[in-house]
Amino acid sequence: DGEGLFVDMPSYRSNEVDINGNPVY
């Protein structure tokens, strides 16, 4: 939304999926 910055720690794709079938990081 252009409202500032955030910090994202290093991650990986697990074997899990969310309720929509998308991979969980």
PDBML (XML) file of the C-alpha atoms, coordinates in Angstrom:
<?xml version="1.0" encoding="UTF-8" ?>
<PDBx:datablock datablockName="MODEL"
   xmlns:PDBx="http://pdbml.pdb.org/schema/pdbx-v50.xsd"
   xmlns:xsi="http://www.w3.org/2001/XMLSchema-instance"
   xsi:schemaLocation="http://pdbml.pdb.org/schema/pdbx-v50.xsd pdbx-v50.xsd">
   <PDBx:atom_siteCategory>
      <PDBx:atom_site id="1">
         <PDBx:B_iso_or_equiv>0.00</PDBx:B_iso_or_equiv>
         <PDBx:Cartn_x>0.000</PDBx:Cartn_x>
         <PDBx:Cartn_y>0.000</PDBx:Cartn_y>
         <PDBx:Cartn_z>0.000</PDBx:Cartn_z>
         <PDBx:auth_asym_id>A</PDBx:auth_asym_id>
         <PDBx:auth_atom_id>CA</PDBx:auth_atom_id>
         <PDBx:auth_comp_id>ASP</PDBx:auth_comp_id>
         <PDBx:auth_seq_id>1</PDBx:auth_seq_id>
         <PDBx:group_PDB>ATOM</PDBx:group_PDB>
         <PDBx:label_alt_id xsi:nil="true" />
         <PDBx:label_asym_id>A</PDBx:label_asym_id>
         <PDBx:label_atom_id>CA</PDBx:label_atom_id>
         <PDBx:label_comp_id>ASP</PDBx:label_comp_id>
         <PDBx:label_entity_id>1</PDBx:label_entity_id>
         <PDBx:label_seq_id>1</PDBx:label_seq_id>
         <PDBx:occupancy>1.00</PDBx:occupancy>
         <PDBx:pdbx_PDB_model_num>1</PDBx:pdbx_PDB_model_num>
         <PDBx:type_symbol>C</PDBx:type_symbol>
      </PDBx:atom_site>
      <PDBx:atom_site id="2">
         <PDBx:B_iso_or_equiv>0.00</PDBx:B_iso_or_equiv>
         <PDBx:Cartn_x>3.082</PDBx:Cartn_x>
         <PDBx:Cartn_y>2.227</PDBx:Cartn_y>
         <PDBx:Cartn_z>-0.081</PDBx:Cartn_z>
         <PDBx:auth_asym_id>A</PDBx:auth_asym_id>
         <PDBx:auth_atom_id>CA</PDBx:auth_atom_id>
         <PDBx:auth_comp_id>GLY</PDBx:auth_comp_id>
         <PDBx:auth_seq_id>2</PDBx:auth_seq_id>
         <PDBx:group_PDB>ATOM</PDBx:group_PDB>
         <PDBx:label_alt_id xsi:nil="true" />
         <PDBx:label_asym_id>A</PDBx:label_asym_id>
         <PDBx:label_atom_id>CA</PDBx:label_atom_id>
         <PDBx:label_comp_id>GLY</PDBx:label_comp_id>
         <PDBx:label_entity_id>1</PDBx:label_entity_id>
         <PDBx:label_seq_id>2</PDBx:label_seq_id>
         <PDBx:occupancy>1.00</PDBx:occupancy>
         <PDBx:pdbx_PDB_model_num>1</PDBx:pdbx_PDB_model_num>
         <PDBx:type_symbol>C</PDBx:type_symbol>
      </PDBx:atom_site>
      <PDBx:atom_site id="3">
         <PDBx:B_iso_or_equiv>0.00</PDBx:B_iso_or_equiv>
         <PDBx:Cartn_x>2.818</PDBx:Cartn_x>
         <PDBx:Cartn_y>2.921</PDBx:Cartn_y>
         <PDBx:Cartn_z>3.648</PDBx:Cartn_z>
         <PDBx:auth_asym_id>A</PDBx:auth_asym_id>
         <PDBx:auth_atom_id>CA</PDBx:auth_atom_id>
         <PDBx:auth_comp_id>GLU</PDBx:auth_comp_id>
         <PDBx:auth_seq_id>3</PDBx:auth_seq_id>
         <PDBx:group_PDB>ATOM</PDBx:group_PDB>
         <PDBx:label_alt_id xsi:nil="true" />
         <PDBx:label_asym_id>A</PDBx:label_asym_id>
         <PDBx:label_atom_id>CA</PDBx:label_atom_id>
         <PDBx:label_comp_id>GLU</PDBx:label_comp_id>
         <PDBx:label_entity_id>1</PDBx:label_entity_id>
         <PDBx:label_seq_id>3</PDBx:label_seq_id>
         <PDBx:occupancy>1.00</PDBx:occupancy>
         <PDBx:pdbx_PDB_model_num>1</PDBx:pdbx_PDB_model_num>
         <PDBx:type_symbol>C</PDBx:type_symbol>
      </PDBx:atom_site>
      <PDBx:atom_site id="4">
         <PDBx:B_iso_or_equiv>0.00</PDBx:B_iso_or_equiv>
         <PDBx:Cartn_x>6.381</PDBx:Cartn_x>
         <PDBx:Cartn_y>2.367</PDBx:Cartn_y>
         <PDBx:Cartn_z>4.787</PDBx:Cartn_z>
         <PDBx:auth_asym_id>A</PDBx:auth_asym_id>
         <PDBx:auth_atom_id>CA</PDBx:auth_atom_id>
         <PDBx:auth_comp_id>GLY</PDBx:auth_comp_id>
         <PDBx:auth_seq_id>4</PDBx:auth_seq_id>
         <PDBx:group_PDB>ATOM</PDBx:group_PDB>
         <PDBx:label_alt_id xsi:nil="true" />
         <PDBx:label_asym_id>A</PDBx:label_asym_id>
         <PDBx:label_atom_id>CA</PDBx:label_atom_id>
         <PDBx:label_comp_id>GLY</PDBx:label_comp_id>
         <PDBx:label_entity_id>1</PDBx:label_entity_id>
         <PDBx:label_seq_id>4</PDBx:label_seq_id>
         <PDBx:occupancy>1.00</PDBx:occupancy>
         <PDBx:pdbx_PDB_model_num>1</PDBx:pdbx_PDB_model_num>
         <PDBx:type_symbol>C</PDBx:type_symbol>
      </PDBx:atom_site>
      <PDBx:atom_site id="5">
         <PDBx:B_iso_or_equiv>0.00</PDBx:B_iso_or_equiv>
         <PDBx:Cartn_x>8.715</PDBx:Cartn_x>
         <PDBx:Cartn_y>-0.621</PDBx:Cartn_y>
         <PDBx:Cartn_z>5.085</PDBx:Cartn_z>
         <PDBx:auth_asym_id>A</PDBx:auth_asym_id>
         <PDBx:auth_atom_id>CA</PDBx:auth_atom_id>
         <PDBx:auth_comp_id>LEU</PDBx:auth_comp_id>
         <PDBx:auth_seq_id>5</PDBx:auth_seq_id>
         <PDBx:group_PDB>ATOM</PDBx:group_PDB>
         <PDBx:label_alt_id xsi:nil="true" />
         <PDBx:label_asym_id>A</PDBx:label_asym_id>
         <PDBx:label_atom_id>CA</PDBx:label_atom_id>
         <PDBx:label_comp_id>LEU</PDBx:label_comp_id>
         <PDBx:label_entity_id>1</PDBx:label_entity_id>
         <PDBx:label_seq_id>5</PDBx:label_seq_id>
         <PDBx:occupancy>1.00</PDBx:occupancy>
         <PDBx:pdbx_PDB_model_num>1</PDBx:pdbx_PDB_model_num>
         <PDBx:type_symbol>C</PDBx:type_symbol>
      </PDBx:atom_site>
      <PDBx:atom_site id="6">
         <PDBx:B_iso_or_equiv>0.00</PDBx:B_iso_or_equiv>
         <PDBx:Cartn_x>8.825</PDBx:Cartn_x>
         <PDBx:Cartn_y>-3.866</PDBx:Cartn_y>
         <PDBx:Cartn_z>7.023</PDBx:Cartn_z>
         <PDBx:auth_asym_id>A</PDBx:auth_asym_id>
         <PDBx:auth_atom_id>CA</PDBx:auth_atom_id>
         <PDBx:auth_comp_id>PHE</PDBx:auth_comp_id>
         <PDBx:auth_seq_id>6</PDBx:auth_seq_id>
         <PDBx:group_PDB>ATOM</PDBx:group_PDB>
         <PDBx:label_alt_id xsi:nil="true" />
         <PDBx:label_asym_id>A</PDBx:label_asym_id>
         <PDBx:label_atom_id>CA</PDBx:label_atom_id>
         <PDBx:label_comp_id>PHE</PDBx:label_comp_id>
         <PDBx:label_entity_id>1</PDBx:label_entity_id>
         <PDBx:label_seq_id>6</PDBx:label_seq_id>
         <PDBx:occupancy>1.00</PDBx:occupancy>
         <PDBx:pdbx_PDB_model_num>1</PDBx:pdbx_PDB_model_num>
         <PDBx:type_symbol>C</PDBx:type_symbol>
      </PDBx:atom_site>
      <PDBx:atom_site id="7">
         <PDBx:B_iso_or_equiv>0.00</PDBx:B_iso_or_equiv>
         <PDBx:Cartn_x>11.471</PDBx:Cartn_x>
         <PDBx:Cartn_y>-6.484</PDBx:Cartn_y>
         <PDBx:Cartn_z>7.820</PDBx:Cartn_z>
         <PDBx:auth_asym_id>A</PDBx:auth_asym_id>
         <PDBx:auth_atom_id>CA</PDBx:auth_atom_id>
         <PDBx:auth_comp_id>VAL</PDBx:auth_comp_id>
         <PDBx:auth_seq_id>7</PDBx:auth_seq_id>
         <PDBx:group_PDB>ATOM</PDBx:group_PDB>
         <PDBx:label_alt_id xsi:nil="true" />
         <PDBx:label_asym_id>A</PDBx:label_asym_id>
         <PDBx:label_atom_id>CA</PDBx:label_atom_id>
         <PDBx:label_comp_id>VAL</PDBx:label_comp_id>
         <PDBx:label_entity_id>1</PDBx:label_entity_id>
         <PDBx:label_seq_id>7</PDBx:label_seq_id>
         <PDBx:occupancy>1.00</PDBx:occupancy>
         <PDBx:pdbx_PDB_model_num>1</PDBx:pdbx_PDB_model_num>
         <PDBx:type_symbol>C</PDBx:type_symbol>
      </PDBx:atom_site>
      <PDBx:atom_site id="8">
         <PDBx:B_iso_or_equiv>0.00</PDBx:B_iso_or_equiv>
         <PDBx:Cartn_x>11.105</PDBx:Cartn_x>
         <PDBx:Cartn_y>-10.028</PDBx:Cartn_y>
         <PDBx:Cartn_z>6.474</PDBx:Cartn_z>
         <PDBx:auth_asym_id>A</PDBx:auth_asym_id>
         <PDBx:auth_atom_id>CA</PDBx:auth_atom_id>
         <PDBx:auth_comp_id>ASP</PDBx:auth_comp_id>
         <PDBx:auth_seq_id>8</PDBx:auth_seq_id>
         <PDBx:group_PDB>ATOM</PDBx:group_PDB>
         <PDBx:label_alt_id xsi:nil="true" />
         <PDBx:label_asym_id>A</PDBx:label_asym_id>
         <PDBx:label_atom_id>CA</PDBx:label_atom_id>
         <PDBx:label_comp_id>ASP</PDBx:label_comp_id>
         <PDBx:label_entity_id>1</PDBx:label_entity_id>
         <PDBx:label_seq_id>8</PDBx:label_seq_id>
         <PDBx:occupancy>1.00</PDBx:occupancy>
         <PDBx:pdbx_PDB_model_num>1</PDBx:pdbx_PDB_model_num>
         <PDBx:type_symbol>C</PDBx:type_symbol>
      </PDBx:atom_site>
      <PDBx:atom_site id="9">
         <PDBx:B_iso_or_equiv>0.00</PDBx:B_iso_or_equiv>
         <PDBx:Cartn_x>13.311</PDBx:Cartn_x>
         <PDBx:Cartn_y>-12.706</PDBx:Cartn_y>
         <PDBx:Cartn_z>8.031</PDBx:Cartn_z>
         <PDBx:auth_asym_id>A</PDBx:auth_asym_id>
         <PDBx:auth_atom_id>CA</PDBx:auth_atom_id>
         <PDBx:auth_comp_id>MET</PDBx:auth_comp_id>
         <PDBx:auth_seq_id>9</PDBx:auth_seq_id>
         <PDBx:group_PDB>ATOM</PDBx:group_PDB>
         <PDBx:label_alt_id xsi:nil="true" />
         <PDBx:label_asym_id>A</PDBx:label_asym_id>
         <PDBx:label_atom_id>CA</PDBx:label_atom_id>
         <PDBx:label_comp_id>MET</PDBx:label_comp_id>
         <PDBx:label_entity_id>1</PDBx:label_entity_id>
         <PDBx:label_seq_id>9</PDBx:label_seq_id>
         <PDBx:occupancy>1.00</PDBx:occupancy>
         <PDBx:pdbx_PDB_model_num>1</PDBx:pdbx_PDB_model_num>
         <PDBx:type_symbol>C</PDBx:type_symbol>
      </PDBx:atom_site>
      <PDBx:atom_site id="10">
         <PDBx:B_iso_or_equiv>0.00</PDBx:B_iso_or_equiv>
         <PDBx:Cartn_x>14.826</PDBx:Cartn_x>
         <PDBx:Cartn_y>-15.418</PDBx:Cartn_y>
         <PDBx:Cartn_z>5.751</PDBx:Cartn_z>
         <PDBx:auth_asym_id>A</PDBx:auth_asym_id>
         <PDBx:auth_atom_id>CA</PDBx:auth_atom_id>
         <PDBx:auth_comp_id>PRO</PDBx:auth_comp_id>
         <PDBx:auth_seq_id>10</PDBx:auth_seq_id>
         <PDBx:group_PDB>ATOM</PDBx:group_PDB>
         <PDBx:label_alt_id xsi:nil="true" />
         <PDBx:label_asym_id>A</PDBx:label_asym_id>
         <PDBx:label_atom_id>CA</PDBx:label_atom_id>
         <PDBx:label_comp_id>PRO</PDBx:label_comp_id>
         <PDBx:label_entity_id>1</PDBx:label_entity_id>
         <PDBx:label_seq_id>10</PDBx:label_seq_id>
         <PDBx:occupancy>1.00</PDBx:occupancy>
         <PDBx:pdbx_PDB_model_num>1</PDBx:pdbx_PDB_model_num>
         <PDBx:type_symbol>C</PDBx:type_symbol>
      </PDBx:atom_site>
      <PDBx:atom_site id="11">
         <PDBx:B_iso_or_equiv>0.00</PDBx:B_iso_or_equiv>
         <PDBx:Cartn_x>12.296</PDBx:Cartn_x>
         <PDBx:Cartn_y>-18.204</PDBx:Cartn_y>
         <PDBx:Cartn_z>5.176</PDBx:Cartn_z>
         <PDBx:auth_asym_id>A</PDBx:auth_asym_id>
         <PDBx:auth_atom_id>CA</PDBx:auth_atom_id>
         <PDBx:auth_comp_id>SER</PDBx:auth_comp_id>
         <PDBx:auth_seq_id>11</PDBx:auth_seq_id>
         <PDBx:group_PDB>ATOM</PDBx:group_PDB>
         <PDBx:label_alt_id xsi:nil="true" />
         <PDBx:label_asym_id>A</PDBx:label_asym_id>
         <PDBx:label_atom_id>CA</PDBx:label_atom_id>
         <PDBx:label_comp_id>SER</PDBx:label_comp_id>
         <PDBx:label_entity_id>1</PDBx:label_entity_id>
         <PDBx:label_seq_id>11</PDBx:label_seq_id>
         <PDBx:occupancy>1.00</PDBx:occupancy>
         <PDBx:pdbx_PDB_model_num>1</PDBx:pdbx_PDB_model_num>
         <PDBx:type_symbol>C</PDBx:type_symbol>
      </PDBx:atom_site>
      <PDBx:atom_site id="12">
         <PDBx:B_iso_or_equiv>0.00</PDBx:B_iso_or_equiv>
         <PDBx:Cartn_x>11.604</PDBx:Cartn_x>
         <PDBx:Cartn_y>-21.368</PDBx:Cartn_y>
         <PDBx:Cartn_z>3.201</PDBx:Cartn_z>
         <PDBx:auth_asym_id>A</PDBx:auth_asym_id>
         <PDBx:auth_atom_id>CA</PDBx:auth_atom_id>
         <PDBx:auth_comp_id>TYR</PDBx:auth_comp_id>
         <PDBx:auth_seq_id>12</PDBx:auth_seq_id>
         <PDBx:group_PDB>ATOM</PDBx:group_PDB>
         <PDBx:label_alt_id xsi:nil="true" />
         <PDBx:label_asym_id>A</PDBx:label_asym_id>
         <PDBx:label_atom_id>CA</PDBx:label_atom_id>
         <PDBx:label_comp_id>TYR</PDBx:label_comp_id>
         <PDBx:label_entity_id>1</PDBx:label_entity_id>
         <PDBx:label_seq_id>12</PDBx:label_seq_id>
         <PDBx:occupancy>1.00</PDBx:occupancy>
         <PDBx:pdbx_PDB_model_num>1</PDBx:pdbx_PDB_model_num>
         <PDBx:type_symbol>C</PDBx:type_symbol>
      </PDBx:atom_site>
      <PDBx:atom_site id="13">
         <PDBx:B_iso_or_equiv>0.00</PDBx:B_iso_or_equiv>
         <PDBx:Cartn_x>8.590</PDBx:Cartn_x>
         <PDBx:Cartn_y>-23.198</PDBx:Cartn_y>
         <PDBx:Cartn_z>1.837</PDBx:Cartn_z>
         <PDBx:auth_asym_id>A</PDBx:auth_asym_id>
         <PDBx:auth_atom_id>CA</PDBx:auth_atom_id>
         <PDBx:auth_comp_id>ARG</PDBx:auth_comp_id>
         <PDBx:auth_seq_id>13</PDBx:auth_seq_id>
         <PDBx:group_PDB>ATOM</PDBx:group_PDB>
         <PDBx:label_alt_id xsi:nil="true" />
         <PDBx:label_asym_id>A</PDBx:label_asym_id>
         <PDBx:label_atom_id>CA</PDBx:label_atom_id>
         <PDBx:label_comp_id>ARG</PDBx:label_comp_id>
         <PDBx:label_entity_id>1</PDBx:label_entity_id>
         <PDBx:label_seq_id>13</PDBx:label_seq_id>
         <PDBx:occupancy>1.00</PDBx:occupancy>
         <PDBx:pdbx_PDB_model_num>1</PDBx:pdbx_PDB_model_num>
         <PDBx:type_symbol>C</PDBx:type_symbol>
      </PDBx:atom_site>
      <PDBx:atom_site id="14">
         <PDBx:B_iso_or_equiv>0.00</PDBx:B_iso_or_equiv>
         <PDBx:Cartn_x>7.491</PDBx:Cartn_x>
         <PDBx:Cartn_y>-25.979</PDBx:Cartn_y>
         <PDBx:Cartn_z>4.185</PDBx:Cartn_z>
         <PDBx:auth_asym_id>A</PDBx:auth_asym_id>
         <PDBx:auth_atom_id>CA</PDBx:auth_atom_id>
         <PDBx:auth_comp_id>SER</PDBx:auth_comp_id>
         <PDBx:auth_seq_id>14</PDBx:auth_seq_id>
         <PDBx:group_PDB>ATOM</PDBx:group_PDB>
         <PDBx:label_alt_id xsi:nil="true" />
         <PDBx:label_asym_id>A</PDBx:label_asym_id>
         <PDBx:label_atom_id>CA</PDBx:label_atom_id>
         <PDBx:label_comp_id>SER</PDBx:label_comp_id>
         <PDBx:label_entity_id>1</PDBx:label_entity_id>
         <PDBx:label_seq_id>14</PDBx:label_seq_id>
         <PDBx:occupancy>1.00</PDBx:occupancy>
         <PDBx:pdbx_PDB_model_num>1</PDBx:pdbx_PDB_model_num>
         <PDBx:type_symbol>C</PDBx:type_symbol>
      </PDBx:atom_site>
      <PDBx:atom_site id="15">
         <PDBx:B_iso_or_equiv>0.00</PDBx:B_iso_or_equiv>
         <PDBx:Cartn_x>5.495</PDBx:Cartn_x>
         <PDBx:Cartn_y>-29.074</PDBx:Cartn_y>
         <PDBx:Cartn_z>3.330</PDBx:Cartn_z>
         <PDBx:auth_asym_id>A</PDBx:auth_asym_id>
         <PDBx:auth_atom_id>CA</PDBx:auth_atom_id>
         <PDBx:auth_comp_id>ASN</PDBx:auth_comp_id>
         <PDBx:auth_seq_id>15</PDBx:auth_seq_id>
         <PDBx:group_PDB>ATOM</PDBx:group_PDB>
         <PDBx:label_alt_id xsi:nil="true" />
         <PDBx:label_asym_id>A</PDBx:label_asym_id>
         <PDBx:label_atom_id>CA</PDBx:label_atom_id>
         <PDBx:label_comp_id>ASN</PDBx:label_comp_id>
         <PDBx:label_entity_id>1</PDBx:label_entity_id>
         <PDBx:label_seq_id>15</PDBx:label_seq_id>
         <PDBx:occupancy>1.00</PDBx:occupancy>
         <PDBx:pdbx_PDB_model_num>1</PDBx:pdbx_PDB_model_num>
         <PDBx:type_symbol>C</PDBx:type_symbol>
      </PDBx:atom_site>
      <PDBx:atom_site id="16">
         <PDBx:B_iso_or_equiv>0.00</PDBx:B_iso_or_equiv>
         <PDBx:Cartn_x>2.374</PDBx:Cartn_x>
         <PDBx:Cartn_y>-27.481</PDBx:Cartn_y>
         <PDBx:Cartn_z>4.790</PDBx:Cartn_z>
         <PDBx:auth_asym_id>A</PDBx:auth_asym_id>
         <PDBx:auth_atom_id>CA</PDBx:auth_atom_id>
         <PDBx:auth_comp_id>GLU</PDBx:auth_comp_id>
         <PDBx:auth_seq_id>16</PDBx:auth_seq_id>
         <PDBx:group_PDB>ATOM</PDBx:group_PDB>
         <PDBx:label_alt_id xsi:nil="true" />
         <PDBx:label_asym_id>A</PDBx:label_asym_id>
         <PDBx:label_atom_id>CA</PDBx:label_atom_id>
         <PDBx:label_comp_id>GLU</PDBx:label_comp_id>
         <PDBx:label_entity_id>1</PDBx:label_entity_id>
         <PDBx:label_seq_id>16</PDBx:label_seq_id>
         <PDBx:occupancy>1.00</PDBx:occupancy>
         <PDBx:pdbx_PDB_model_num>1</PDBx:pdbx_PDB_model_num>
         <PDBx:type_symbol>C</PDBx:type_symbol>
      </PDBx:atom_site>
      <PDBx:atom_site id="17">
         <PDBx:B_iso_or_equiv>0.00</PDBx:B_iso_or_equiv>
         <PDBx:Cartn_x>-0.386</PDBx:Cartn_x>
         <PDBx:Cartn_y>-25.644</PDBx:Cartn_y>
         <PDBx:Cartn_z>2.937</PDBx:Cartn_z>
         <PDBx:auth_asym_id>A</PDBx:auth_asym_id>
         <PDBx:auth_atom_id>CA</PDBx:auth_atom_id>
         <PDBx:auth_comp_id>VAL</PDBx:auth_comp_id>
         <PDBx:auth_seq_id>17</PDBx:auth_seq_id>
         <PDBx:group_PDB>ATOM</PDBx:group_PDB>
         <PDBx:label_alt_id xsi:nil="true" />
         <PDBx:label_asym_id>A</PDBx:label_asym_id>
         <PDBx:label_atom_id>CA</PDBx:label_atom_id>
         <PDBx:label_comp_id>VAL</PDBx:label_comp_id>
         <PDBx:label_entity_id>1</PDBx:label_entity_id>
         <PDBx:label_seq_id>17</PDBx:label_seq_id>
         <PDBx:occupancy>1.00</PDBx:occupancy>
         <PDBx:pdbx_PDB_model_num>1</PDBx:pdbx_PDB_model_num>
         <PDBx:type_symbol>C</PDBx:type_symbol>
      </PDBx:atom_site>
      <PDBx:atom_site id="18">
         <PDBx:B_iso_or_equiv>0.00</PDBx:B_iso_or_equiv>
         <PDBx:Cartn_x>-2.962</PDBx:Cartn_x>
         <PDBx:Cartn_y>-23.155</PDBx:Cartn_y>
         <PDBx:Cartn_z>4.185</PDBx:Cartn_z>
         <PDBx:auth_asym_id>A</PDBx:auth_asym_id>
         <PDBx:auth_atom_id>CA</PDBx:auth_atom_id>
         <PDBx:auth_comp_id>ASP</PDBx:auth_comp_id>
         <PDBx:auth_seq_id>18</PDBx:auth_seq_id>
         <PDBx:group_PDB>ATOM</PDBx:group_PDB>
         <PDBx:label_alt_id xsi:nil="true" />
         <PDBx:label_asym_id>A</PDBx:label_asym_id>
         <PDBx:label_atom_id>CA</PDBx:label_atom_id>
         <PDBx:label_comp_id>ASP</PDBx:label_comp_id>
         <PDBx:label_entity_id>1</PDBx:label_entity_id>
         <PDBx:label_seq_id>18</PDBx:label_seq_id>
         <PDBx:occupancy>1.00</PDBx:occupancy>
         <PDBx:pdbx_PDB_model_num>1</PDBx:pdbx_PDB_model_num>
         <PDBx:type_symbol>C</PDBx:type_symbol>
      </PDBx:atom_site>
      <PDBx:atom_site id="19">
         <PDBx:B_iso_or_equiv>0.00</PDBx:B_iso_or_equiv>
         <PDBx:Cartn_x>-6.741</PDBx:Cartn_x>
         <PDBx:Cartn_y>-23.507</PDBx:Cartn_y>
         <PDBx:Cartn_z>3.895</PDBx:Cartn_z>
         <PDBx:auth_asym_id>A</PDBx:auth_asym_id>
         <PDBx:auth_atom_id>CA</PDBx:auth_atom_id>
         <PDBx:auth_comp_id>ILE</PDBx:auth_comp_id>
         <PDBx:auth_seq_id>19</PDBx:auth_seq_id>
         <PDBx:group_PDB>ATOM</PDBx:group_PDB>
         <PDBx:label_alt_id xsi:nil="true" />
         <PDBx:label_asym_id>A</PDBx:label_asym_id>
         <PDBx:label_atom_id>CA</PDBx:label_atom_id>
         <PDBx:label_comp_id>ILE</PDBx:label_comp_id>
         <PDBx:label_entity_id>1</PDBx:label_entity_id>
         <PDBx:label_seq_id>19</PDBx:label_seq_id>
         <PDBx:occupancy>1.00</PDBx:occupancy>
         <PDBx:pdbx_PDB_model_num>1</PDBx:pdbx_PDB_model_num>
         <PDBx:type_symbol>C</PDBx:type_symbol>
      </PDBx:atom_site>
      <PDBx:atom_site id="20">
         <PDBx:B_iso_or_equiv>0.00</PDBx:B_iso_or_equiv>
         <PDBx:Cartn_x>-6.561</PDBx:Cartn_x>
         <PDBx:Cartn_y>-22.187</PDBx:Cartn_y>
         <PDBx:Cartn_z>0.327</PDBx:Cartn_z>
         <PDBx:auth_asym_id>A</PDBx:auth_asym_id>
         <PDBx:auth_atom_id>CA</PDBx:auth_atom_id>
         <PDBx:auth_comp_id>ASN</PDBx:auth_comp_id>
         <PDBx:auth_seq_id>20</PDBx:auth_seq_id>
         <PDBx:group_PDB>ATOM</PDBx:group_PDB>
         <PDBx:label_alt_id xsi:nil="true" />
         <PDBx:label_asym_id>A</PDBx:label_asym_id>
         <PDBx:label_atom_id>CA</PDBx:label_atom_id>
         <PDBx:label_comp_id>ASN</PDBx:label_comp_id>
         <PDBx:label_entity_id>1</PDBx:label_entity_id>
         <PDBx:label_seq_id>20</PDBx:label_seq_id>
         <PDBx:occupancy>1.00</PDBx:occupancy>
         <PDBx:pdbx_PDB_model_num>1</PDBx:pdbx_PDB_model_num>
         <PDBx:type_symbol>C</PDBx:type_symbol>
      </PDBx:atom_site>
      <PDBx:atom_site id="21">
         <PDBx:B_iso_or_equiv>0.00</PDBx:B_iso_or_equiv>
         <PDBx:Cartn_x>-3.936</PDBx:Cartn_x>
         <PDBx:Cartn_y>-24.724</PDBx:Cartn_y>
         <PDBx:Cartn_z>-0.722</PDBx:Cartn_z>
         <PDBx:auth_asym_id>A</PDBx:auth_asym_id>
         <PDBx:auth_atom_id>CA</PDBx:auth_atom_id>
         <PDBx:auth_comp_id>GLY</PDBx:auth_comp_id>
         <PDBx:auth_seq_id>21</PDBx:auth_seq_id>
         <PDBx:group_PDB>ATOM</PDBx:group_PDB>
         <PDBx:label_alt_id xsi:nil="true" />
         <PDBx:label_asym_id>A</PDBx:label_asym_id>
         <PDBx:label_atom_id>CA</PDBx:label_atom_id>
         <PDBx:label_comp_id>GLY</PDBx:label_comp_id>
         <PDBx:label_entity_id>1</PDBx:label_entity_id>
         <PDBx:label_seq_id>21</PDBx:label_seq_id>
         <PDBx:occupancy>1.00</PDBx:occupancy>
         <PDBx:pdbx_PDB_model_num>1</PDBx:pdbx_PDB_model_num>
         <PDBx:type_symbol>C</PDBx:type_symbol>
      </PDBx:atom_site>
      <PDBx:atom_site id="22">
         <PDBx:B_iso_or_equiv>0.00</PDBx:B_iso_or_equiv>
         <PDBx:Cartn_x>-1.104</PDBx:Cartn_x>
         <PDBx:Cartn_y>-22.183</PDBx:Cartn_y>
         <PDBx:Cartn_z>-0.828</PDBx:Cartn_z>
         <PDBx:auth_asym_id>A</PDBx:auth_asym_id>
         <PDBx:auth_atom_id>CA</PDBx:auth_atom_id>
         <PDBx:auth_comp_id>ASN</PDBx:auth_comp_id>
         <PDBx:auth_seq_id>22</PDBx:auth_seq_id>
         <PDBx:group_PDB>ATOM</PDBx:group_PDB>
         <PDBx:label_alt_id xsi:nil="true" />
         <PDBx:label_asym_id>A</PDBx:label_asym_id>
         <PDBx:label_atom_id>CA</PDBx:label_atom_id>
         <PDBx:label_comp_id>ASN</PDBx:label_comp_id>
         <PDBx:label_entity_id>1</PDBx:label_entity_id>
         <PDBx:label_seq_id>22</PDBx:label_seq_id>
         <PDBx:occupancy>1.00</PDBx:occupancy>
         <PDBx:pdbx_PDB_model_num>1</PDBx:pdbx_PDB_model_num>
         <PDBx:type_symbol>C</PDBx:type_symbol>
      </PDBx:atom_site>
      <PDBx:atom_site id="23">
         <PDBx:B_iso_or_equiv>0.00</PDBx:B_iso_or_equiv>
         <PDBx:Cartn_x>2.346</PDBx:Cartn_x>
         <PDBx:Cartn_y>-23.162</PDBx:Cartn_y>
         <PDBx:Cartn_z>0.489</PDBx:Cartn_z>
         <PDBx:auth_asym_id>A</PDBx:auth_asym_id>
         <PDBx:auth_atom_id>CA</PDBx:auth_atom_id>
         <PDBx:auth_comp_id>PRO</PDBx:auth_comp_id>
         <PDBx:auth_seq_id>23</PDBx:auth_seq_id>
         <PDBx:group_PDB>ATOM</PDBx:group_PDB>
         <PDBx:label_alt_id xsi:nil="true" />
         <PDBx:label_asym_id>A</PDBx:label_asym_id>
         <PDBx:label_atom_id>CA</PDBx:label_atom_id>
         <PDBx:label_comp_id>PRO</PDBx:label_comp_id>
         <PDBx:label_entity_id>1</PDBx:label_entity_id>
         <PDBx:label_seq_id>23</PDBx:label_seq_id>
         <PDBx:occupancy>1.00</PDBx:occupancy>
         <PDBx:pdbx_PDB_model_num>1</PDBx:pdbx_PDB_model_num>
         <PDBx:type_symbol>C</PDBx:type_symbol>
      </PDBx:atom_site>
      <PDBx:atom_site id="24">
         <PDBx:B_iso_or_equiv>0.00</PDBx:B_iso_or_equiv>
         <PDBx:Cartn_x>3.197</PDBx:Cartn_x>
         <PDBx:Cartn_y>-22.111</PDBx:Cartn_y>
         <PDBx:Cartn_z>4.037</PDBx:Cartn_z>
         <PDBx:auth_asym_id>A</PDBx:auth_asym_id>
         <PDBx:auth_atom_id>CA</PDBx:auth_atom_id>
         <PDBx:auth_comp_id>VAL</PDBx:auth_comp_id>
         <PDBx:auth_seq_id>24</PDBx:auth_seq_id>
         <PDBx:group_PDB>ATOM</PDBx:group_PDB>
         <PDBx:label_alt_id xsi:nil="true" />
         <PDBx:label_asym_id>A</PDBx:label_asym_id>
         <PDBx:label_atom_id>CA</PDBx:label_atom_id>
         <PDBx:label_comp_id>VAL</PDBx:label_comp_id>
         <PDBx:label_entity_id>1</PDBx:label_entity_id>
         <PDBx:label_seq_id>24</PDBx:label_seq_id>
         <PDBx:occupancy>1.00</PDBx:occupancy>
         <PDBx:pdbx_PDB_model_num>1</PDBx:pdbx_PDB_model_num>
         <PDBx:type_symbol>C</PDBx:type_symbol>
      </PDBx:atom_site>
      <PDBx:atom_site id="25">
         <PDBx:B_iso_or_equiv>0.00</PDBx:B_iso_or_equiv>
         <PDBx:Cartn_x>6.526</PDBx:Cartn_x>
         <PDBx:Cartn_y>-20.335</PDBx:Cartn_y>
         <PDBx:Cartn_z>4.508</PDBx:Cartn_z>
         <PDBx:auth_asym_id>A</PDBx:auth_asym_id>
         <PDBx:auth_atom_id>CA</PDBx:auth_atom_id>
         <PDBx:auth_comp_id>TYR</PDBx:auth_comp_id>
         <PDBx:auth_seq_id>25</PDBx:auth_seq_id>
         <PDBx:group_PDB>ATOM</PDBx:group_PDB>
         <PDBx:label_alt_id xsi:nil="true" />
         <PDBx:label_asym_id>A</PDBx:label_asym_id>
         <PDBx:label_atom_id>CA</PDBx:label_atom_id>
         <PDBx:label_comp_id>TYR</PDBx:label_comp_id>
         <PDBx:label_entity_id>1</PDBx:label_entity_id>
         <PDBx:label_seq_id>25</PDBx:label_seq_id>
         <PDBx:occupancy>1.00</PDBx:occupancy>
         <PDBx:pdbx_PDB_model_num>1</PDBx:pdbx_PDB_model_num>
         <PDBx:type_symbol>C</PDBx:type_symbol>
      </PDBx:atom_site>
   </PDBx:atom_siteCategory>
</PDBx:datablock>
